[in-house]
Structures are given as structure tokens and as C-alpha cells.
Amino acid sequence: MLTTVNMEIITVLSKDNPKIAEFECNSLICFDKYTITDNIIKGETSSTKKTWKRLAYTNYILKPLYKETITNFLEKISIDIPKEFTVVMIKNKSDKRITSIDTKKRLSNLKGNTKKLTNYAVVVEEEHAILCEVLWENPKDYLQRKPQMRPAFHPASIHPKLARASVNLTGIRSGTIYDPMCGVGGILIESRLMGLKTIGSDIDKEMLNKSKINLKHYKAPAKLFKKDALTTNITADAIITDLPYCKSTKKIDNLEQFYLDFLIHIKTLTKNAVIMFPDFVNVKKIVKKSGWKIKEEFTYYLHRSLSKKILILNPTL
């Protein structure tokens, strides 16, 4: 029998939505236990880079090498060291004693075999600095897939960073993701590029055609169907969708009733759902009536007059 070996790591989270960042990180990395200070998580895990590369709201995953007081750490700094050693500065709190460490400077006096190490980070705490090996850095290539950069555009399409996070919030490592109101394919693109089986459907033929164009452009093949979200019979390991909310939304007269009917229907299709609502509706009332329960709730700011409520849902017993 194979045994898993836990490794101590430090994860550096994005600061733009701390609650989503922490939950997403732990959903994929599955720490045995961890501590969090500001945007820095310390813990042990047996997860690997194959899993980490799915993360959206994590910037770095680091392996701590050694920890020193600020004074002792500064004594180990040298400007004239090999160019292949690069340093990233990560500071929880401003500390004038560490200002002489510049992100473009290099570190010497490293312990152990440094030939295989090409990138380091310094995590600064109140009285200590931790030298770390960078195990993974988020390439943020999802920024190349923002709605305005897709060949088939729609102004209400989800940002790819949030789309990736919504997939990770389900906690599934493999299986099928289904978006029954896929629009132009924002969630589908990220799900498929993350290596998951992906299905999308929409009642609007024009949206499906745009989704097909976008999926082809990003080489992210997914199955597409023209279906009504209230009658679809497609089952999945998790359903993720960004609910329509505009007053001009086609074929929906009463949004809140539509949301309720949709939640009731998808209970027959999955036991795991991440659903995004506009913040102007009473989501707790709708969810309670539908027979789901809220596992976790997040708020995602869009603009001055609108935010999304992102809910992780599980069925009630």
C-alpha cells in the first residue's frame, strides 16, 4: 500500500477576496491543519503541483527552508551572488528593517544543494524572516481569457479568475462539471482547461454558438446542448452556474420564481452545486424553500450597484 507523505508549505493568497481565496485553497490542498495570518497560510499537505495549478486565488506555494530573526537574516544578504537566484518579497506588515531587501536582489549563503533551486521567496513576519523555495507560482494565464479578450463577447460573462475558483469551490478533483446556463462559456472554458469533463447547455441558440466559438478558440472542447435549465436531464458531479439577473433576460418573467424552480430541479441532477445569484434577491429564503442547504456563502463585488452572492450548496437530508 502506498503511503502519502505530508510536506510543510506556505501559501500566499490573493488579497482581492480573502474569504474565497482561503476556502478555495483549502478545498484543493486539503491541509491536515493550518494557520492563517493576513494572506499567509502555513500548514502540512500531501497534495502536489498537479492540484496546485488549478488554483485561481493563490499566488505562490512555498517550501520553508529556514527562519531567522530580522537581524540575523539581513546578515546573510549579499548583492553579488549568481544571477539565477531570484527573490520574491512577501510582507505581511511593513517593517523598515527589511527595506534593504529588494525584490530584484539575490540571496547567498543558502543551506543545502542550491543547484536545482532557481527561485526563492522571503516571507517577512513581525520579528522573523523565512527563506523559502518557490514550489509553484500562479502564471495567471487566465487573464488572457477575460471576457473582452474572447472572440465571442458578452458583457455579463464571468471573469475567468472567478470561474476557476467556482470550480475549485466544489472540492472535486475529477469528474464532470455541468453549467446548465452556460452563456458564452466562461465557466466551461476554465473547467475544461483544468482537466475536468465539462458539459454546457443553454436555451439560447445564439449563446451556444458563441460558447462554441470561445471553446474552440481556447482549445477547450466541451459537450454543448440546447436545453431549458428547468427541464434538462443531464447529471453531473457538480453543477456550477452564474444565474441570469438582467431585467432584459429573455423568457424569464419572474426571476426569483425562476431561481427557486431551477434549484428544485437540479436536486435531481447533482448533490454538489455552486450557484451565483445577484445580491438584490433574498437568496437564503429561496434556498430554504428549494430544499438545499448553504454550506458556504461569499460576496463578489462587481460594481457600485451590484455584487454576486456565491453559494456552495448541498442537499438537505
Protein backbone atom coordinates (compact mmCIF):
# COMPACT_ATOMS: atom_id res chain seq x y z
CA MET A 1 0.00 0.00 0.00
CA LEU A 2 1.30 3.45 -0.94
CA THR A 3 1.61 5.96 1.86
CA THR A 4 1.34 9.71 1.44
CA VAL A 5 3.97 11.97 2.93
CA ASN A 6 2.94 15.33 4.26
CA MET A 7 5.04 18.37 3.47
CA GLU A 8 5.13 21.70 5.23
CA ILE A 9 4.20 24.54 2.88
CA ILE A 10 3.36 28.22 2.97
CA THR A 11 0.69 29.52 0.61
CA VAL A 12 0.41 33.18 -0.32
CA LEU A 13 -3.16 34.12 -1.15
CA SER A 14 -4.51 36.85 -3.38
CA LYS A 15 -5.80 39.79 -1.34
CA ASP A 16 -8.73 40.78 -3.57
CA ASN A 17 -11.21 38.35 -1.97
CA PRO A 18 -9.68 36.78 1.17
CA LYS A 19 -12.63 34.54 2.07
CA ILE A 20 -12.87 32.97 -1.39
CA ALA A 21 -9.06 32.64 -1.50
CA GLU A 22 -8.84 30.78 1.81
CA PHE A 23 -11.75 28.44 1.07
CA GLU A 24 -10.57 27.68 -2.47
CA CYS A 25 -7.03 26.97 -1.28
CA ASN A 26 -8.11 24.58 1.45
CA SER A 27 -10.68 22.89 -0.83
CA LEU A 28 -7.91 21.77 -3.17
CA ILE A 29 -4.87 21.48 -0.92
CA CYS A 30 -6.77 19.89 1.99
CA PHE A 31 -4.47 20.84 4.86
CA ASP A 32 -4.48 18.49 7.84
CA LYS A 33 -4.45 21.67 9.88
CA TYR A 34 -3.30 25.18 9.13
CA THR A 35 -2.88 28.67 10.49
CA ILE A 36 -3.62 31.85 8.59
CA THR A 37 -2.28 35.36 9.19
CA ASP A 38 -3.39 38.05 6.76
CA ASN A 39 -2.95 36.34 3.37
CA ILE A 40 -0.36 33.76 4.51
CA ILE A 41 -1.38 30.14 5.22
CA LYS A 42 1.03 27.71 6.91
CA GLY A 43 0.20 24.03 7.05
CA GLU A 44 1.00 20.46 6.02
CA THR A 45 -0.33 18.72 2.94
CA SER A 46 0.24 15.71 0.70
CA SER A 47 -1.14 17.49 -2.38
CA THR A 48 1.02 18.06 -5.47
CA LYS A 49 1.67 20.62 -8.18
CA LYS A 50 -0.88 18.85 -10.41
CA THR A 51 -3.53 20.04 -7.98
CA TRP A 52 -1.98 23.43 -7.24
CA LYS A 53 -2.03 24.54 -10.88
CA ARG A 54 -5.83 24.72 -10.72
CA LEU A 55 -5.78 27.46 -8.09
CA ALA A 56 -7.00 30.95 -9.00
CA TYR A 57 -6.77 32.95 -5.77
CA THR A 58 -3.38 31.62 -4.61
CA ASN A 59 -0.27 33.46 -5.83
CA TYR A 60 2.54 31.26 -4.50
CA ILE A 61 3.15 27.92 -2.82
CA LEU A 62 6.43 27.88 -0.90
CA LYS A 63 8.61 25.40 0.94
CA PRO A 64 10.21 26.99 4.04
CA LEU A 65 13.98 26.44 4.20
CA TYR A 66 14.96 28.32 7.31
CA LYS A 67 13.72 31.02 9.64
CA GLU A 68 15.85 33.74 11.26
CA THR A 69 15.35 36.90 13.24
CA ILE A 70 15.37 40.01 11.05
CA THR A 71 18.84 41.00 12.26
CA ASN A 72 20.43 37.60 11.59
CA PHE A 73 18.64 37.29 8.28
CA LEU A 74 19.96 40.59 6.99
CA GLU A 75 23.49 39.45 7.77
CA LYS A 76 23.07 36.66 5.19
CA ILE A 77 22.13 39.02 2.37
CA SER A 78 24.64 39.67 -0.40
CA ILE A 79 24.18 41.64 -3.61
CA ASP A 80 26.90 39.84 -5.55
CA ILE A 81 25.53 36.35 -5.97
CA PRO A 82 24.65 34.24 -9.04
CA LYS A 83 22.00 35.70 -11.34
CA GLU A 84 19.93 32.51 -11.41
CA PHE A 85 18.83 33.07 -7.83
CA THR A 86 15.79 35.35 -7.82
CA VAL A 87 13.86 36.51 -4.79
CA VAL A 88 10.22 37.43 -4.24
CA MET A 89 9.43 39.58 -1.22
CA ILE A 90 6.24 38.74 0.69
CA LYS A 91 5.48 41.05 3.58
CA ASN A 92 2.58 40.73 5.98
CA LYS A 93 3.38 44.01 7.68
CA SER A 94 5.61 46.92 6.80
CA ASP A 95 8.97 46.79 8.56
CA LYS A 96 11.65 49.38 7.88
CA ARG A 97 14.36 46.92 8.98
CA ILE A 98 13.75 44.80 5.90
CA THR A 99 13.64 47.57 3.28
CA SER A 100 17.20 46.82 2.19
CA ILE A 101 15.99 43.50 0.75
CA ASP A 102 14.82 44.38 -2.74
CA THR A 103 12.74 42.03 -4.88
CA LYS A 104 15.43 42.16 -7.58
CA LYS A 105 18.35 41.36 -5.30
CA ARG A 106 19.75 37.89 -4.81
CA LEU A 107 20.34 35.72 -1.77
CA SER A 108 23.53 33.87 -0.93
CA ASN A 109 24.54 31.66 1.98
CA LEU A 110 21.76 29.19 1.16
CA LYS A 111 21.75 25.91 3.00
CA GLY A 112 21.77 22.59 1.17
CA ASN A 113 22.07 21.85 -2.54
CA THR A 114 21.12 25.02 -4.44
CA LYS A 115 21.84 23.79 -7.97
CA LYS A 116 18.24 22.74 -8.51
CA LEU A 117 16.77 25.85 -6.88
CA THR A 118 16.20 28.81 -9.13
CA ASN A 119 13.58 30.86 -7.33
CA TYR A 120 13.17 31.92 -3.73
CA ALA A 121 10.79 33.93 -1.61
CA VAL A 122 11.29 35.76 1.65
CA VAL A 123 8.24 35.78 3.92
CA VAL A 124 8.56 38.61 6.45
CA GLU A 125 6.87 38.32 9.82
CA GLU A 126 6.95 40.74 12.76
CA GLU A 127 10.32 39.66 14.13
CA HIS A 128 11.47 36.99 11.68
CA ALA A 129 12.07 36.34 8.00
CA ILE A 130 11.62 32.94 6.37
CA LEU A 131 13.64 31.93 3.33
CA CYS A 132 11.52 29.70 1.10
CA GLU A 133 11.87 27.77 -2.11
CA VAL A 134 9.13 28.67 -4.59
CA LEU A 135 7.42 25.38 -5.45
CA TRP A 136 4.71 26.96 -7.60
CA GLU A 137 3.88 30.44 -8.84
CA ASN A 138 0.49 31.20 -10.33
CA PRO A 139 1.08 32.08 -14.01
CA LYS A 140 -2.28 33.91 -14.08
CA ASP A 141 -2.73 32.94 -17.71
CA TYR A 142 -6.47 33.16 -17.10
CA LEU A 143 -6.06 36.92 -17.55
CA GLN A 144 -5.65 36.23 -21.27
CA ARG A 145 -9.20 34.88 -21.27
CA LYS A 146 -11.04 37.85 -19.80
CA PRO A 147 -14.49 38.44 -21.37
CA GLN A 148 -13.35 41.34 -23.56
CA MET A 149 -10.49 39.22 -24.96
CA ARG A 150 -12.67 36.30 -26.07
CA PRO A 151 -13.62 36.13 -29.76
CA ALA A 152 -17.30 35.89 -28.84
CA PHE A 153 -18.08 38.58 -26.29
CA HIS A 154 -20.89 39.12 -23.80
CA PRO A 155 -20.71 41.94 -21.22
CA ALA A 156 -22.21 39.86 -18.39
CA SER A 157 -19.83 36.93 -18.80
CA ILE A 158 -17.97 35.77 -15.70
CA HIS A 159 -14.33 36.73 -15.07
CA PRO A 160 -12.07 33.69 -15.62
CA LYS A 161 -10.44 34.02 -12.18
CA LEU A 162 -13.83 33.67 -10.50
CA ALA A 163 -14.83 30.92 -12.94
CA ARG A 164 -11.76 28.86 -11.94
CA ALA A 165 -12.41 29.47 -8.27
CA SER A 166 -16.05 28.41 -8.61
CA VAL A 167 -14.91 25.05 -9.99
CA ASN A 168 -12.48 24.63 -7.11
CA LEU A 169 -15.11 25.56 -4.52
CA THR A 170 -16.90 22.31 -5.39
CA GLY A 171 -13.91 20.43 -3.97
CA ILE A 172 -13.94 17.80 -6.71
CA ARG A 173 -10.63 16.52 -8.09
CA SER A 174 -12.10 14.70 -11.10
CA GLY A 175 -15.47 14.05 -12.68
CA THR A 176 -17.99 16.11 -14.61
CA ILE A 177 -18.85 19.79 -14.30
CA TYR A 178 -22.12 20.96 -15.82
CA ASP A 179 -23.27 24.53 -16.43
CA PRO A 180 -26.97 24.50 -17.47
CA MET A 181 -26.96 28.24 -18.29
CA CYS A 182 -23.53 28.40 -19.87
CA GLY A 183 -23.96 31.60 -21.88
CA VAL A 184 -20.77 32.24 -23.87
CA GLY A 185 -18.85 29.57 -21.96
CA GLY A 186 -16.85 31.36 -19.27
CA ILE A 187 -17.16 28.54 -16.71
CA LEU A 188 -16.84 25.83 -19.35
CA ILE A 189 -13.52 27.18 -20.65
CA GLU A 190 -11.87 27.18 -17.23
CA SER A 191 -13.31 23.82 -16.18
CA ARG A 192 -12.08 22.12 -19.33
CA LEU A 193 -8.63 23.73 -19.16
CA MET A 194 -8.39 22.42 -15.60
CA GLY A 195 -8.76 18.90 -16.96
CA LEU A 196 -12.34 18.16 -15.92
CA LYS A 197 -15.07 16.66 -18.06
CA THR A 198 -17.28 19.57 -18.99
CA ILE A 199 -20.85 19.93 -20.24
CA GLY A 200 -22.75 23.09 -21.03
CA SER A 201 -26.27 23.89 -22.12
CA ASP A 202 -28.35 26.97 -22.76
CA ILE A 203 -31.83 27.72 -24.03
CA ASP A 204 -30.48 30.48 -26.26
CA LYS A 205 -29.04 29.22 -29.55
CA GLU A 206 -27.05 32.42 -30.08
CA MET A 207 -25.31 31.97 -26.70
CA LEU A 208 -24.48 28.37 -27.56
CA ASN A 209 -22.91 29.42 -30.85
CA LYS A 210 -20.77 32.00 -29.03
CA SER A 211 -19.79 29.41 -26.45
CA LYS A 212 -18.73 27.04 -29.22
CA ILE A 213 -16.54 29.76 -30.78
CA ASN A 214 -14.86 30.54 -27.45
CA LEU A 215 -14.25 26.91 -26.54
CA LYS A 216 -12.69 26.25 -29.93
CA HIS A 217 -10.51 29.36 -29.65
CA TYR A 218 -9.04 28.25 -26.31
CA LYS A 219 -8.77 24.59 -27.37
CA ALA A 220 -11.11 23.55 -24.58
CA PRO A 221 -13.57 21.07 -26.14
CA ALA A 222 -16.76 20.54 -24.15
CA LYS A 223 -20.14 19.00 -24.89
CA LEU A 224 -22.85 21.56 -25.66
CA PHE A 225 -26.61 21.09 -25.77
CA LYS A 226 -29.61 23.33 -26.41
CA LYS A 227 -31.73 22.72 -23.32
CA ASP A 228 -34.02 24.52 -20.92
CA ALA A 229 -32.38 24.72 -17.48
CA LEU A 230 -35.73 23.82 -15.86
CA THR A 231 -36.16 20.58 -17.78
CA THR A 232 -32.61 19.39 -18.54
CA ASN A 233 -31.85 15.79 -17.58
CA ILE A 234 -28.04 15.99 -17.61
CA THR A 235 -26.46 14.70 -14.40
CA ALA A 236 -23.04 15.73 -13.10
CA ASP A 237 -20.67 15.52 -10.14
CA ALA A 238 -21.16 19.24 -9.68
CA ILE A 239 -23.32 21.94 -11.23
CA ILE A 240 -21.93 25.46 -11.46
CA THR A 241 -23.76 28.38 -12.98
CA ASP A 242 -23.96 32.15 -12.89
CA LEU A 243 -27.69 32.88 -12.82
CA PRO A 244 -29.11 35.46 -15.25
CA TYR A 245 -30.16 38.64 -13.48
CA CYS A 246 -30.75 41.39 -16.05
CA LYS A 247 -34.27 42.72 -16.40
CA SER A 248 -33.97 42.14 -20.13
CA THR A 249 -33.18 38.41 -19.67
CA LYS A 250 -35.10 36.50 -22.33
CA LYS A 251 -38.02 34.23 -21.45
CA ILE A 252 -37.91 34.87 -17.68
CA ASP A 253 -40.80 36.89 -16.25
CA ASN A 254 -40.19 36.32 -12.53
CA LEU A 255 -36.50 35.92 -11.64
CA GLU A 256 -36.98 34.77 -8.05
CA GLN A 257 -39.51 32.13 -9.04
CA PHE A 258 -37.21 31.01 -11.82
CA TYR A 259 -34.32 30.69 -9.34
CA LEU A 260 -36.48 28.61 -6.99
CA ASP A 261 -37.72 26.32 -9.77
CA PHE A 262 -34.16 25.86 -11.00
CA LEU A 263 -32.79 24.90 -7.59
CA ILE A 264 -35.61 22.43 -7.04
CA HIS A 265 -34.99 20.84 -10.42
CA ILE A 266 -31.22 20.41 -10.15
CA LYS A 267 -31.61 18.40 -6.93
CA THR A 268 -32.40 15.52 -9.29
CA LEU A 269 -29.17 16.09 -11.23
CA THR A 270 -26.40 16.56 -8.63
CA LYS A 271 -25.53 16.62 -4.94
CA ASN A 272 -22.99 19.43 -5.28
CA ALA A 273 -23.66 22.91 -6.62
CA VAL A 274 -22.01 26.33 -6.76
CA ILE A 275 -24.59 28.92 -7.75
CA MET A 276 -24.09 32.66 -8.26
CA PHE A 277 -27.01 34.97 -7.50
CA PRO A 278 -27.42 38.73 -7.79
CA ASP A 279 -27.33 40.33 -4.35
CA PHE A 280 -30.71 42.04 -4.72
CA VAL A 281 -32.67 38.80 -4.14
CA ASN A 282 -33.30 37.02 -0.84
CA VAL A 283 -31.06 34.03 -1.52
CA LYS A 284 -31.48 32.43 1.91
CA LYS A 285 -35.26 32.37 1.54
CA ILE A 286 -35.03 30.89 -1.96
CA VAL A 287 -32.51 28.23 -0.94
CA LYS A 288 -34.52 27.22 2.12
CA LYS A 289 -37.67 26.74 0.02
CA SER A 290 -35.75 24.71 -2.56
CA GLY A 291 -34.57 22.01 -0.15
CA TRP A 292 -30.87 22.79 -0.41
CA LYS A 293 -28.68 23.98 2.45
CA ILE A 294 -25.93 26.58 2.28
CA LYS A 295 -22.51 25.12 3.02
CA GLU A 296 -20.70 28.41 2.45
CA GLU A 297 -21.54 31.88 1.17
CA PHE A 298 -19.29 34.52 -0.41
CA THR A 299 -19.79 38.03 -1.76
CA TYR A 300 -18.14 39.08 -5.00
CA TYR A 301 -18.18 42.80 -5.82
CA LEU A 302 -18.99 43.69 -9.43
CA HIS A 303 -19.66 47.42 -9.37
CA ARG A 304 -21.31 50.09 -7.24
CA SER A 305 -24.84 48.84 -7.77
CA LEU A 306 -24.32 45.08 -7.93
CA SER A 307 -22.49 42.24 -6.20
CA LYS A 308 -22.84 38.48 -6.59
CA LYS A 309 -23.74 36.07 -3.83
CA ILE A 310 -21.81 32.86 -4.44
CA LEU A 311 -23.30 29.87 -2.63
CA ILE A 312 -21.92 26.37 -2.17
CA LEU A 313 -25.00 24.18 -1.83
CA ASN A 314 -25.58 20.66 -0.56
CA PRO A 315 -28.97 18.94 -0.40
CA THR A 316 -30.78 18.74 2.93
CA LEU A 317 -31.30 15.29 4.40
